[in-house]
N, C-alpha and C. Protein backbone atom coordinates (compact mmCIF):
# COMPACT_ATOMS: atom_id res chain seq x y z
N ASP A 1 0.82 -1.21 0.00
CA ASP A 1 0.00 0.00 0.00
C ASP A 1 0.86 1.27 0.00
N GLY A 2 1.99 1.22 -0.64
CA GLY A 2 2.84 2.40 -0.72
C GLY A 2 3.83 2.57 0.40
N PHE A 3 3.85 1.62 1.36
CA PHE A 3 4.80 1.70 2.46
C PHE A 3 6.08 0.95 2.10
N ARG A 4 7.21 1.45 2.58
CA ARG A 4 8.48 0.81 2.32
C ARG A 4 9.02 0.20 3.61
N PHE A 5 9.45 -1.05 3.54
CA PHE A 5 10.02 -1.72 4.69
C PHE A 5 11.52 -1.92 4.45
N GLU A 6 12.32 -1.33 5.31
CA GLU A 6 13.77 -1.44 5.16
C GLU A 6 14.26 -2.72 5.83
N GLU A 7 15.26 -3.35 5.22
CA GLU A 7 15.86 -4.54 5.82
C GLU A 7 17.01 -4.17 6.75
N GLY A 8 17.47 -2.94 6.66
CA GLY A 8 18.57 -2.47 7.51
C GLY A 8 18.19 -1.13 8.12
N PRO A 9 19.12 -0.17 8.16
CA PRO A 9 18.81 1.16 8.71
C PRO A 9 17.62 1.79 7.98
N SER A 10 16.79 2.48 8.73
CA SER A 10 15.58 3.06 8.14
C SER A 10 15.62 4.58 8.08
N GLY A 11 16.64 5.21 8.65
CA GLY A 11 16.68 6.66 8.61
C GLY A 11 17.89 7.21 9.33
N LEU A 12 17.98 8.52 9.34
CA LEU A 12 19.06 9.26 9.99
C LEU A 12 18.47 10.38 10.84
N THR A 13 19.23 10.85 11.80
CA THR A 13 18.84 12.08 12.49
C THR A 13 19.71 13.20 11.94
N ARG A 14 19.33 14.41 12.19
CA ARG A 14 20.12 15.55 11.74
C ARG A 14 21.47 15.62 12.46
N GLY A 15 21.64 14.78 13.47
CA GLY A 15 22.92 14.73 14.18
C GLY A 15 23.99 13.98 13.43
N HIS A 16 23.61 13.23 12.38
CA HIS A 16 24.59 12.52 11.57
C HIS A 16 25.22 13.51 10.58
N THR A 17 25.99 14.45 11.12
CA THR A 17 26.48 15.56 10.31
C THR A 17 27.47 15.12 9.23
N ALA A 18 28.29 14.11 9.51
CA ALA A 18 29.29 13.68 8.51
C ALA A 18 28.60 13.09 7.29
N ILE A 19 27.64 12.19 7.51
CA ILE A 19 26.93 11.57 6.39
C ILE A 19 26.12 12.62 5.63
N LEU A 20 25.43 13.47 6.36
CA LEU A 20 24.61 14.48 5.70
C LEU A 20 25.47 15.51 4.97
N GLY A 21 26.70 15.70 5.44
CA GLY A 21 27.62 16.57 4.73
C GLY A 21 27.99 16.00 3.37
N ILE A 22 28.19 14.68 3.32
CA ILE A 22 28.47 14.00 2.05
C ILE A 22 27.26 14.10 1.13
N VAL A 23 26.07 13.90 1.70
CA VAL A 23 24.83 14.00 0.93
C VAL A 23 24.73 15.38 0.29
N HIS A 24 25.02 16.42 1.08
CA HIS A 24 24.93 17.79 0.56
C HIS A 24 25.97 18.03 -0.53
N ASP A 25 27.22 17.63 -0.27
CA ASP A 25 28.29 17.87 -1.24
C ASP A 25 28.04 17.13 -2.55
N ALA A 26 27.34 15.99 -2.47
CA ALA A 26 27.05 15.20 -3.68
C ALA A 26 25.79 15.69 -4.39
N GLY A 27 25.14 16.74 -3.84
CA GLY A 27 23.94 17.27 -4.46
C GLY A 27 22.71 16.39 -4.29
N LEU A 28 22.67 15.65 -3.18
CA LEU A 28 21.57 14.70 -2.98
C LEU A 28 20.54 15.17 -1.95
N ASP A 29 20.60 16.44 -1.55
CA ASP A 29 19.65 16.93 -0.54
C ASP A 29 18.20 16.70 -0.95
N GLY A 30 17.92 16.79 -2.24
CA GLY A 30 16.55 16.62 -2.72
C GLY A 30 16.03 15.20 -2.60
N GLU A 31 16.93 14.26 -2.31
CA GLU A 31 16.51 12.87 -2.15
C GLU A 31 16.06 12.55 -0.74
N LEU A 32 16.26 13.50 0.20
CA LEU A 32 15.88 13.27 1.59
C LEU A 32 14.43 13.68 1.84
N VAL A 33 13.73 12.88 2.62
CA VAL A 33 12.36 13.17 3.01
C VAL A 33 12.23 13.00 4.52
N ALA A 34 11.23 13.62 5.10
CA ALA A 34 10.98 13.48 6.53
C ALA A 34 10.63 12.04 6.86
N ALA A 35 11.16 11.54 7.97
CA ALA A 35 10.88 10.17 8.40
C ALA A 35 10.21 10.19 9.77
N SER A 36 9.42 9.17 10.04
CA SER A 36 8.73 9.08 11.32
C SER A 36 9.73 8.78 12.44
N SER A 37 9.48 9.35 13.59
CA SER A 37 10.33 9.09 14.76
C SER A 37 9.58 8.26 15.80
N LYS A 38 8.48 7.65 15.42
CA LYS A 38 7.68 6.88 16.37
C LYS A 38 8.12 5.42 16.43
N ILE A 39 8.10 4.87 17.63
CA ILE A 39 8.41 3.46 17.87
C ILE A 39 7.19 2.83 18.52
N GLY A 40 6.70 1.74 17.94
CA GLY A 40 5.56 1.04 18.51
C GLY A 40 6.02 -0.17 19.32
N ILE A 41 5.57 -0.27 20.56
CA ILE A 41 5.97 -1.36 21.45
C ILE A 41 4.72 -2.16 21.81
N ALA A 42 4.75 -3.45 21.48
CA ALA A 42 3.59 -4.31 21.71
C ALA A 42 3.51 -4.74 23.17
N ASP A 43 2.29 -4.70 23.70
CA ASP A 43 2.02 -5.18 25.05
C ASP A 43 0.73 -5.97 24.98
N GLY A 44 0.86 -7.25 24.71
CA GLY A 44 -0.33 -8.06 24.46
C GLY A 44 -0.94 -7.63 23.14
N SER A 45 -2.21 -7.27 23.16
CA SER A 45 -2.91 -6.84 21.94
C SER A 45 -2.83 -5.33 21.74
N GLU A 46 -2.21 -4.63 22.66
CA GLU A 46 -2.13 -3.16 22.58
C GLU A 46 -0.76 -2.71 22.11
N ILE A 47 -0.72 -1.67 21.30
CA ILE A 47 0.53 -1.07 20.84
C ILE A 47 0.69 0.28 21.52
N HIS A 48 1.80 0.45 22.20
CA HIS A 48 2.12 1.73 22.83
C HIS A 48 3.14 2.46 21.95
N TYR A 49 2.89 3.71 21.65
CA TYR A 49 3.78 4.47 20.77
C TYR A 49 4.59 5.47 21.58
N LEU A 50 5.89 5.45 21.32
CA LEU A 50 6.80 6.43 21.90
C LEU A 50 7.42 7.21 20.75
N ASP A 51 7.39 8.51 20.85
CA ASP A 51 7.98 9.36 19.82
C ASP A 51 9.43 9.65 20.20
N ALA A 52 10.36 9.21 19.36
CA ALA A 52 11.78 9.37 19.67
C ALA A 52 12.17 10.82 19.87
N SER A 53 11.51 11.74 19.19
CA SER A 53 11.87 13.15 19.30
C SER A 53 11.39 13.76 20.62
N ARG A 54 10.53 13.03 21.36
CA ARG A 54 10.10 13.50 22.69
C ARG A 54 10.02 12.29 23.62
N ILE A 55 11.12 11.53 23.61
CA ILE A 55 11.14 10.24 24.28
C ILE A 55 10.93 10.36 25.79
N VAL A 56 11.46 11.39 26.42
CA VAL A 56 11.33 11.52 27.88
C VAL A 56 9.88 11.73 28.27
N ALA A 57 9.22 12.68 27.61
CA ALA A 57 7.82 12.97 27.94
C ALA A 57 6.94 11.76 27.67
N ASP A 58 7.17 11.07 26.54
CA ASP A 58 6.35 9.91 26.20
C ASP A 58 6.60 8.75 27.16
N ALA A 59 7.86 8.55 27.55
CA ALA A 59 8.19 7.44 28.46
C ALA A 59 7.58 7.69 29.84
N LEU A 60 7.58 8.93 30.28
CA LEU A 60 7.00 9.25 31.59
C LEU A 60 5.48 9.22 31.56
N GLY A 61 4.88 9.41 30.39
CA GLY A 61 3.42 9.43 30.30
C GLY A 61 2.79 8.12 29.89
N THR A 62 3.60 7.16 29.43
CA THR A 62 3.05 5.92 28.92
C THR A 62 2.50 5.02 30.03
N ARG A 63 1.54 4.18 29.64
CA ARG A 63 0.99 3.16 30.56
C ARG A 63 1.74 1.84 30.41
N LEU A 64 2.82 1.87 29.66
CA LEU A 64 3.58 0.66 29.38
C LEU A 64 4.35 0.16 30.60
N VAL A 65 4.77 1.08 31.48
CA VAL A 65 5.56 0.69 32.65
C VAL A 65 4.97 1.31 33.91
N SER A 66 5.40 0.77 35.04
CA SER A 66 4.91 1.23 36.34
C SER A 66 5.56 2.56 36.72
N ALA A 67 4.99 3.18 37.76
CA ALA A 67 5.55 4.44 38.26
C ALA A 67 6.96 4.23 38.77
N ARG A 68 7.22 3.07 39.34
CA ARG A 68 8.56 2.76 39.84
C ARG A 68 9.58 2.73 38.70
N ALA A 69 9.19 2.10 37.59
CA ALA A 69 10.09 2.03 36.44
C ALA A 69 10.31 3.41 35.85
N LYS A 70 9.27 4.23 35.82
CA LYS A 70 9.40 5.60 35.32
C LYS A 70 10.39 6.39 36.17
N LEU A 71 10.32 6.21 37.47
CA LEU A 71 11.25 6.90 38.38
C LEU A 71 12.67 6.45 38.09
N SER A 72 12.83 5.15 37.84
CA SER A 72 14.16 4.62 37.53
C SER A 72 14.70 5.19 36.23
N LEU A 73 13.80 5.45 35.27
CA LEU A 73 14.22 5.98 33.97
C LEU A 73 14.76 7.42 34.07
N THR A 74 14.45 8.11 35.17
CA THR A 74 15.01 9.46 35.34
C THR A 74 16.53 9.39 35.49
N LYS A 75 17.04 8.22 35.91
CA LYS A 75 18.50 8.05 36.00
C LYS A 75 19.14 8.14 34.62
N LEU A 76 18.38 7.76 33.60
CA LEU A 76 18.90 7.83 32.24
C LEU A 76 19.18 9.28 31.86
N VAL A 77 18.30 10.18 32.27
CA VAL A 77 18.50 11.61 32.00
C VAL A 77 19.77 12.08 32.71
N ILE A 78 19.96 11.63 33.94
CA ILE A 78 21.15 12.01 34.71
C ILE A 78 22.41 11.52 34.00
N ASP A 79 22.38 10.27 33.51
CA ASP A 79 23.54 9.70 32.82
C ASP A 79 23.86 10.48 31.54
N LEU A 80 22.84 10.88 30.81
CA LEU A 80 23.05 11.59 29.55
C LEU A 80 23.65 12.98 29.80
N VAL A 81 23.20 13.62 30.87
CA VAL A 81 23.75 14.93 31.22
C VAL A 81 25.21 14.78 31.65
N ARG A 82 25.48 13.74 32.43
CA ARG A 82 26.84 13.52 32.94
C ARG A 82 27.83 13.22 31.81
N HIS A 83 27.38 12.49 30.79
CA HIS A 83 28.29 12.08 29.70
C HIS A 83 28.12 12.93 28.43
N ARG A 84 27.37 14.01 28.50
CA ARG A 84 26.97 14.73 27.28
C ARG A 84 28.15 15.21 26.44
N LYS A 85 29.26 15.59 27.07
CA LYS A 85 30.40 16.12 26.31
C LYS A 85 31.15 15.03 25.56
N ARG A 86 30.91 13.77 25.93
CA ARG A 86 31.63 12.67 25.27
C ARG A 86 30.74 11.85 24.34
N LEU A 87 29.46 12.18 24.29
CA LEU A 87 28.54 11.43 23.43
C LEU A 87 28.58 12.01 22.02
N ASP A 88 29.55 11.54 21.27
CA ASP A 88 29.78 12.02 19.91
C ASP A 88 29.43 10.92 18.93
N VAL A 89 28.41 11.14 18.10
CA VAL A 89 27.97 10.12 17.15
C VAL A 89 29.09 9.73 16.19
N GLU A 90 30.02 10.64 15.93
CA GLU A 90 31.10 10.35 14.99
C GLU A 90 32.29 9.67 15.67
N ASP A 91 32.31 9.62 17.01
CA ASP A 91 33.46 9.03 17.70
C ASP A 91 33.03 8.46 19.05
N LEU A 92 32.46 7.25 19.03
CA LEU A 92 31.99 6.62 20.26
C LEU A 92 33.14 6.14 21.13
N SER A 93 34.39 6.19 20.63
CA SER A 93 35.54 5.77 21.43
C SER A 93 35.72 6.67 22.65
N ARG A 94 35.13 7.85 22.61
CA ARG A 94 35.23 8.76 23.75
C ARG A 94 34.46 8.24 24.96
N MET A 95 33.62 7.21 24.73
CA MET A 95 32.88 6.58 25.82
C MET A 95 33.47 5.22 26.18
N ARG A 96 34.77 5.04 25.95
CA ARG A 96 35.38 3.72 26.10
C ARG A 96 35.37 3.19 27.53
N GLU A 97 35.20 4.08 28.53
CA GLU A 97 35.17 3.59 29.90
C GLU A 97 33.96 2.71 30.18
N LEU A 98 32.93 2.78 29.31
CA LEU A 98 31.74 1.93 29.46
C LEU A 98 31.75 0.74 28.51
N ASP A 99 32.79 0.63 27.71
CA ASP A 99 32.79 -0.37 26.64
C ASP A 99 32.99 -1.79 27.14
N HIS A 100 33.27 -1.96 28.43
CA HIS A 100 33.42 -3.32 28.98
C HIS A 100 32.07 -3.91 29.38
N LEU A 101 31.01 -3.09 29.30
CA LEU A 101 29.66 -3.55 29.65
C LEU A 101 28.78 -3.57 28.41
N SER A 102 27.92 -4.59 28.32
CA SER A 102 26.93 -4.58 27.24
C SER A 102 25.82 -3.61 27.61
N ALA A 103 25.03 -3.23 26.62
CA ALA A 103 23.90 -2.34 26.87
C ALA A 103 22.94 -2.99 27.87
N GLU A 104 22.74 -4.30 27.74
CA GLU A 104 21.83 -4.99 28.65
C GLU A 104 22.36 -5.00 30.07
N GLN A 105 23.64 -5.33 30.25
CA GLN A 105 24.22 -5.37 31.59
C GLN A 105 24.11 -4.01 32.27
N TYR A 106 24.45 -2.98 31.53
CA TYR A 106 24.41 -1.63 32.10
C TYR A 106 22.98 -1.22 32.46
N ALA A 107 22.04 -1.45 31.54
CA ALA A 107 20.67 -0.99 31.74
C ALA A 107 19.97 -1.75 32.86
N ARG A 108 20.16 -3.06 32.92
CA ARG A 108 19.50 -3.84 33.99
C ARG A 108 20.03 -3.40 35.35
N ALA A 109 21.35 -3.20 35.45
CA ALA A 109 21.93 -2.81 36.74
C ALA A 109 21.57 -1.39 37.12
N ARG A 110 21.49 -0.51 36.14
CA ARG A 110 21.29 0.92 36.42
C ARG A 110 19.82 1.31 36.50
N TYR A 111 18.98 0.73 35.62
CA TYR A 111 17.59 1.17 35.54
C TYR A 111 16.57 0.11 35.94
N GLY A 112 17.01 -1.13 36.09
CA GLY A 112 16.10 -2.19 36.50
C GLY A 112 15.55 -2.99 35.32
N ASP A 113 15.07 -4.19 35.62
CA ASP A 113 14.61 -5.11 34.58
C ASP A 113 13.39 -4.58 33.82
N GLU A 114 12.42 -4.02 34.53
CA GLU A 114 11.19 -3.57 33.86
C GLU A 114 11.48 -2.43 32.88
N ALA A 115 12.23 -1.45 33.31
CA ALA A 115 12.56 -0.32 32.43
C ALA A 115 13.35 -0.80 31.22
N PHE A 116 14.27 -1.75 31.45
CA PHE A 116 15.07 -2.27 30.33
C PHE A 116 14.21 -3.03 29.34
N GLU A 117 13.40 -3.98 29.84
CA GLU A 117 12.66 -4.89 28.95
C GLU A 117 11.51 -4.20 28.22
N ARG A 118 10.90 -3.19 28.84
CA ARG A 118 9.69 -2.63 28.25
C ARG A 118 9.88 -1.28 27.56
N VAL A 119 11.01 -0.60 27.84
CA VAL A 119 11.25 0.70 27.19
C VAL A 119 12.62 0.75 26.51
N ILE A 120 13.67 0.52 27.29
CA ILE A 120 15.02 0.73 26.77
C ILE A 120 15.37 -0.22 25.64
N ASP A 121 15.23 -1.52 25.86
CA ASP A 121 15.60 -2.49 24.82
C ASP A 121 14.76 -2.32 23.54
N PRO A 122 13.42 -2.14 23.64
CA PRO A 122 12.65 -1.94 22.40
C PRO A 122 13.01 -0.67 21.65
N CYS A 123 13.56 0.33 22.33
CA CYS A 123 13.97 1.56 21.65
C CYS A 123 15.36 1.44 21.04
N VAL A 124 16.25 0.73 21.73
CA VAL A 124 17.63 0.60 21.26
C VAL A 124 17.73 -0.28 20.02
N ARG A 125 17.07 -1.43 20.04
CA ARG A 125 17.25 -2.42 18.96
C ARG A 125 16.92 -1.89 17.57
N PRO A 126 15.80 -1.21 17.35
CA PRO A 126 15.53 -0.75 15.98
C PRO A 126 16.43 0.38 15.50
N LEU A 127 16.98 1.16 16.44
CA LEU A 127 17.82 2.29 16.04
C LEU A 127 19.26 1.87 15.75
N VAL A 128 19.74 0.83 16.42
CA VAL A 128 21.12 0.39 16.23
C VAL A 128 21.18 -0.90 15.42
N ILE A 129 20.04 -1.52 15.18
CA ILE A 129 19.95 -2.78 14.43
C ILE A 129 20.81 -3.84 15.11
N GLY A 130 20.49 -4.14 16.34
CA GLY A 130 21.23 -5.16 17.08
C GLY A 130 20.56 -5.44 18.40
N HIS A 131 20.97 -6.53 19.03
CA HIS A 131 20.40 -6.92 20.32
C HIS A 131 21.23 -6.32 21.45
N SER A 132 20.57 -5.95 22.52
CA SER A 132 21.22 -5.23 23.61
C SER A 132 22.34 -6.01 24.26
N GLU A 133 22.27 -7.34 24.25
CA GLU A 133 23.34 -8.12 24.85
C GLU A 133 24.61 -8.10 24.00
N GLU A 134 24.46 -7.68 22.73
CA GLU A 134 25.61 -7.64 21.81
C GLU A 134 26.10 -6.21 21.58
N LEU A 135 25.41 -5.23 22.14
CA LEU A 135 25.78 -3.83 21.96
C LEU A 135 26.49 -3.30 23.20
N SER A 136 27.28 -2.26 23.00
CA SER A 136 27.99 -1.64 24.11
C SER A 136 27.07 -0.70 24.89
N ALA A 137 27.38 -0.50 26.16
CA ALA A 137 26.66 0.48 26.96
C ALA A 137 26.78 1.87 26.34
N ALA A 138 27.89 2.13 25.64
CA ALA A 138 28.06 3.41 24.95
C ALA A 138 27.02 3.58 23.86
N ASP A 139 26.69 2.48 23.15
CA ASP A 139 25.65 2.54 22.12
C ASP A 139 24.31 2.93 22.73
N LEU A 140 24.01 2.37 23.90
CA LEU A 140 22.73 2.67 24.56
C LEU A 140 22.61 4.16 24.83
N LEU A 141 23.65 4.74 25.42
CA LEU A 141 23.59 6.16 25.76
C LEU A 141 23.58 7.02 24.51
N TYR A 142 24.30 6.59 23.47
CA TYR A 142 24.27 7.34 22.21
C TYR A 142 22.85 7.41 21.65
N VAL A 143 22.15 6.27 21.63
CA VAL A 143 20.80 6.22 21.06
C VAL A 143 19.89 7.21 21.76
N PHE A 144 19.91 7.21 23.08
CA PHE A 144 19.00 8.10 23.79
C PHE A 144 19.45 9.55 23.74
N SER A 145 20.74 9.79 23.60
CA SER A 145 21.18 11.18 23.43
C SER A 145 20.70 11.73 22.10
N ALA A 146 20.68 10.87 21.06
CA ALA A 146 20.17 11.28 19.76
C ALA A 146 18.67 11.57 19.85
N PHE A 147 17.93 10.74 20.58
CA PHE A 147 16.50 10.95 20.77
C PHE A 147 16.23 12.28 21.46
N MET A 148 16.95 12.52 22.56
CA MET A 148 16.64 13.66 23.42
C MET A 148 17.11 14.98 22.83
N ALA A 149 17.87 14.92 21.75
CA ALA A 149 18.34 16.16 21.13
C ALA A 149 17.23 16.85 20.34
N ASP A 150 16.05 16.23 20.30
CA ASP A 150 14.90 16.80 19.59
C ASP A 150 15.25 17.09 18.13
N GLN A 151 15.82 16.07 17.48
CA GLN A 151 16.26 16.23 16.11
C GLN A 151 15.24 15.64 15.13
N ASP A 152 15.25 16.19 13.93
CA ASP A 152 14.40 15.64 12.87
C ASP A 152 14.99 14.33 12.37
N PHE A 153 14.12 13.43 11.98
CA PHE A 153 14.54 12.18 11.35
C PHE A 153 14.30 12.29 9.85
N VAL A 154 15.26 11.83 9.07
CA VAL A 154 15.13 11.88 7.62
C VAL A 154 15.49 10.53 7.03
N ALA A 155 15.05 10.29 5.82
CA ALA A 155 15.36 9.06 5.10
C ALA A 155 15.46 9.38 3.62
N PHE A 156 15.98 8.44 2.86
CA PHE A 156 16.04 8.64 1.41
C PHE A 156 14.70 8.26 0.77
N ARG A 157 14.28 9.07 -0.17
CA ARG A 157 12.99 8.92 -0.82
C ARG A 157 12.76 7.49 -1.34
N ASP A 158 13.78 6.90 -1.94
CA ASP A 158 13.66 5.55 -2.51
C ASP A 158 14.31 4.49 -1.64
N GLY A 159 14.36 4.76 -0.34
CA GLY A 159 14.92 3.79 0.58
C GLY A 159 16.39 4.06 0.86
N MET A 160 16.85 3.60 2.03
CA MET A 160 18.23 3.86 2.42
C MET A 160 19.22 3.19 1.47
N GLY A 161 18.80 2.11 0.82
CA GLY A 161 19.68 1.44 -0.12
C GLY A 161 20.00 2.26 -1.35
N SER A 162 19.22 3.32 -1.58
CA SER A 162 19.49 4.17 -2.74
C SER A 162 20.68 5.10 -2.49
N TYR A 163 21.07 5.29 -1.23
CA TYR A 163 22.18 6.19 -0.92
C TYR A 163 23.49 5.76 -1.60
N PRO A 164 23.96 4.52 -1.39
CA PRO A 164 25.22 4.15 -2.07
C PRO A 164 25.09 4.13 -3.58
N ARG A 165 23.92 3.78 -4.10
CA ARG A 165 23.75 3.77 -5.55
C ARG A 165 23.82 5.19 -6.12
N LEU A 166 23.13 6.12 -5.47
CA LEU A 166 23.16 7.51 -5.93
C LEU A 166 24.56 8.12 -5.79
N LEU A 167 25.21 7.81 -4.68
CA LEU A 167 26.55 8.34 -4.45
C LEU A 167 27.53 7.76 -5.47
N GLY A 168 27.42 6.46 -5.71
CA GLY A 168 28.33 5.80 -6.65
C GLY A 168 28.22 6.33 -8.06
N SER A 169 27.04 6.79 -8.44
CA SER A 169 26.84 7.28 -9.80
C SER A 169 27.54 8.62 -10.04
N ARG A 170 27.96 9.28 -8.97
CA ARG A 170 28.59 10.60 -9.09
C ARG A 170 30.11 10.54 -9.02
N PHE A 171 30.67 9.36 -8.84
CA PHE A 171 32.11 9.24 -8.69
C PHE A 171 32.63 8.09 -9.54
N ASP A 172 33.93 8.12 -9.82
CA ASP A 172 34.55 6.99 -10.51
C ASP A 172 34.54 5.79 -9.57
N ALA A 173 34.27 4.61 -10.12
CA ALA A 173 34.20 3.40 -9.31
C ALA A 173 35.22 2.38 -9.80
N THR A 174 35.89 1.73 -8.87
CA THR A 174 36.82 0.65 -9.17
C THR A 174 36.42 -0.56 -8.36
N LEU A 175 36.11 -1.65 -9.01
CA LEU A 175 35.68 -2.86 -8.33
C LEU A 175 36.85 -3.82 -8.16
N GLY A 176 36.74 -4.72 -7.20
CA GLY A 176 37.77 -5.72 -6.99
C GLY A 176 39.04 -5.17 -6.39
N ALA A 177 38.97 -3.99 -5.76
CA ALA A 177 40.16 -3.37 -5.18
C ALA A 177 40.31 -3.77 -3.70
N GLU A 178 41.54 -3.75 -3.24
CA GLU A 178 41.83 -4.04 -1.83
C GLU A 178 42.46 -2.81 -1.20
N VAL A 179 41.81 -2.26 -0.20
CA VAL A 179 42.36 -1.09 0.50
C VAL A 179 43.34 -1.58 1.55
N ILE A 180 44.57 -1.08 1.48
CA ILE A 180 45.63 -1.52 2.39
C ILE A 180 45.68 -0.62 3.63
N GLY A 181 45.46 0.67 3.42
CA GLY A 181 45.49 1.58 4.56
C GLY A 181 44.91 2.94 4.21
N ALA A 182 44.40 3.62 5.24
CA ALA A 182 43.88 4.98 5.10
C ALA A 182 44.35 5.77 6.31
N ASP A 183 45.29 6.68 6.10
CA ASP A 183 45.88 7.44 7.19
C ASP A 183 45.45 8.90 7.12
N GLU A 184 44.87 9.38 8.22
CA GLU A 184 44.41 10.76 8.27
C GLU A 184 45.58 11.72 8.44
N ARG A 185 45.60 12.75 7.62
CA ARG A 185 46.61 13.80 7.70
C ARG A 185 45.92 15.13 8.01
N GLU A 186 46.71 16.16 8.27
CA GLU A 186 46.13 17.47 8.58
C GLU A 186 45.32 18.02 7.42
N ASP A 187 45.78 17.74 6.19
CA ASP A 187 45.12 18.32 5.02
C ASP A 187 44.31 17.31 4.21
N GLY A 188 44.03 16.14 4.78
CA GLY A 188 43.26 15.13 4.05
C GLY A 188 43.55 13.72 4.51
N VAL A 189 43.46 12.78 3.60
CA VAL A 189 43.67 11.37 3.91
C VAL A 189 44.58 10.75 2.86
N GLU A 190 45.53 9.95 3.32
CA GLU A 190 46.41 9.22 2.41
C GLU A 190 45.91 7.78 2.32
N VAL A 191 45.57 7.35 1.12
CA VAL A 191 44.99 6.02 0.93
C VAL A 191 45.92 5.16 0.07
N ALA A 192 46.18 3.96 0.52
CA ALA A 192 46.96 2.99 -0.25
C ALA A 192 46.04 1.84 -0.62
N TRP A 193 46.00 1.48 -1.90
CA TRP A 193 45.12 0.40 -2.31
C TRP A 193 45.71 -0.34 -3.50
N ARG A 194 45.26 -1.56 -3.68
CA ARG A 194 45.75 -2.42 -4.75
C ARG A 194 44.57 -2.77 -5.65
N ASP A 195 44.74 -2.58 -6.95
CA ASP A 195 43.64 -2.87 -7.87
C ASP A 195 43.55 -4.36 -8.16
N ALA A 196 42.60 -4.74 -8.98
CA ALA A 196 42.33 -6.16 -9.26
C ALA A 196 43.52 -6.86 -9.91
N LYS A 197 44.38 -6.10 -10.56
CA LYS A 197 45.56 -6.69 -11.21
C LYS A 197 46.78 -6.69 -10.29
N GLY A 198 46.59 -6.27 -9.04
CA GLY A 198 47.68 -6.29 -8.07
C GLY A 198 48.56 -5.07 -8.05
N ARG A 199 48.24 -4.05 -8.84
CA ARG A 199 49.05 -2.85 -8.88
C ARG A 199 48.76 -1.96 -7.67
N LEU A 200 49.82 -1.43 -7.06
CA LEU A 200 49.69 -0.60 -5.87
C LEU A 200 49.44 0.86 -6.24
N HIS A 201 48.50 1.49 -5.55
CA HIS A 201 48.19 2.91 -5.76
C HIS A 201 48.24 3.63 -4.43
N GLU A 202 48.83 4.82 -4.42
CA GLU A 202 48.83 5.68 -3.23
C GLU A 202 48.33 7.05 -3.63
N GLU A 203 47.30 7.53 -2.91
CA GLU A 203 46.66 8.79 -3.29
C GLU A 203 46.41 9.67 -2.08
N GLN A 204 46.44 10.98 -2.31
CA GLN A 204 46.05 11.96 -1.30
C GLN A 204 44.63 12.42 -1.64
N LEU A 205 43.69 12.26 -0.73
CA LEU A 205 42.30 12.61 -0.97
C LEU A 205 41.80 13.56 0.12
N ALA A 206 40.75 14.28 -0.22
CA ALA A 206 40.15 15.20 0.75
C ALA A 206 39.49 14.43 1.90
N GLY A 207 38.96 13.25 1.61
CA GLY A 207 38.30 12.46 2.64
C GLY A 207 37.93 11.10 2.11
N VAL A 208 37.62 10.19 3.00
CA VAL A 208 37.20 8.84 2.62
C VAL A 208 36.02 8.42 3.48
N VAL A 209 35.26 7.46 2.98
CA VAL A 209 34.19 6.85 3.75
C VAL A 209 34.59 5.40 3.97
N LEU A 210 34.73 5.00 5.21
CA LEU A 210 35.10 3.63 5.55
C LEU A 210 33.84 2.88 5.95
N ALA A 211 33.61 1.75 5.31
CA ALA A 211 32.40 0.97 5.60
C ALA A 211 32.73 -0.50 5.59
N CYS A 212 31.95 -1.28 6.31
CA CYS A 212 32.14 -2.74 6.32
C CYS A 212 30.78 -3.40 6.44
N ASP A 213 30.75 -4.68 6.16
CA ASP A 213 29.53 -5.47 6.32
C ASP A 213 29.10 -5.41 7.77
N ALA A 214 27.84 -5.08 8.00
CA ALA A 214 27.34 -4.95 9.38
C ALA A 214 27.45 -6.26 10.14
N GLY A 215 27.51 -7.38 9.43
CA GLY A 215 27.61 -8.69 10.10
C GLY A 215 29.03 -9.13 10.32
N ALA A 216 30.00 -8.33 9.85
CA ALA A 216 31.41 -8.74 9.95
C ALA A 216 31.92 -8.58 11.37
């Protein structure tokens, strides 16, 4: 009926400045459309909706959890304020002191089982595309910091999969290449790569996008 179901990421927030900067530089701004920020959480036959752009107000007002769990969730606000200077979507390594804990371990210990199972885990999984026991506690705090920033959500008109296709059509493409290294310099990036015939190439570029299989 005209709805699109994504198999992977379904959108971006305006906080993804690096990716959106590439979108702008490639002239793809017109391909972006507003995306919904609502998350539906099933409770028996009832669906409770939380709006990511106003997650605190919705979580405190929902009938999904008890008053005790809501009180526990206020600790999440405290944690986000305490770590706000290090919650950088482009560099989660700044939160490495929490990287020894999974999102589930941290949330159950800090906020309790009910808050984790009925609010936190259902919100984290669709935004990070992973299970809380396999994600870092830093991922958990990043997700909610993105929510609480009251940012717009956007997506590509023809699905998120159209992004690499549209981007690829604007640049020269070389298939079967092996990237050996990418070293950041003050004025750009130095990239060493080997083409399909084994020939070595070294180039100075303004920037690079590093990506890998999400399952790797």
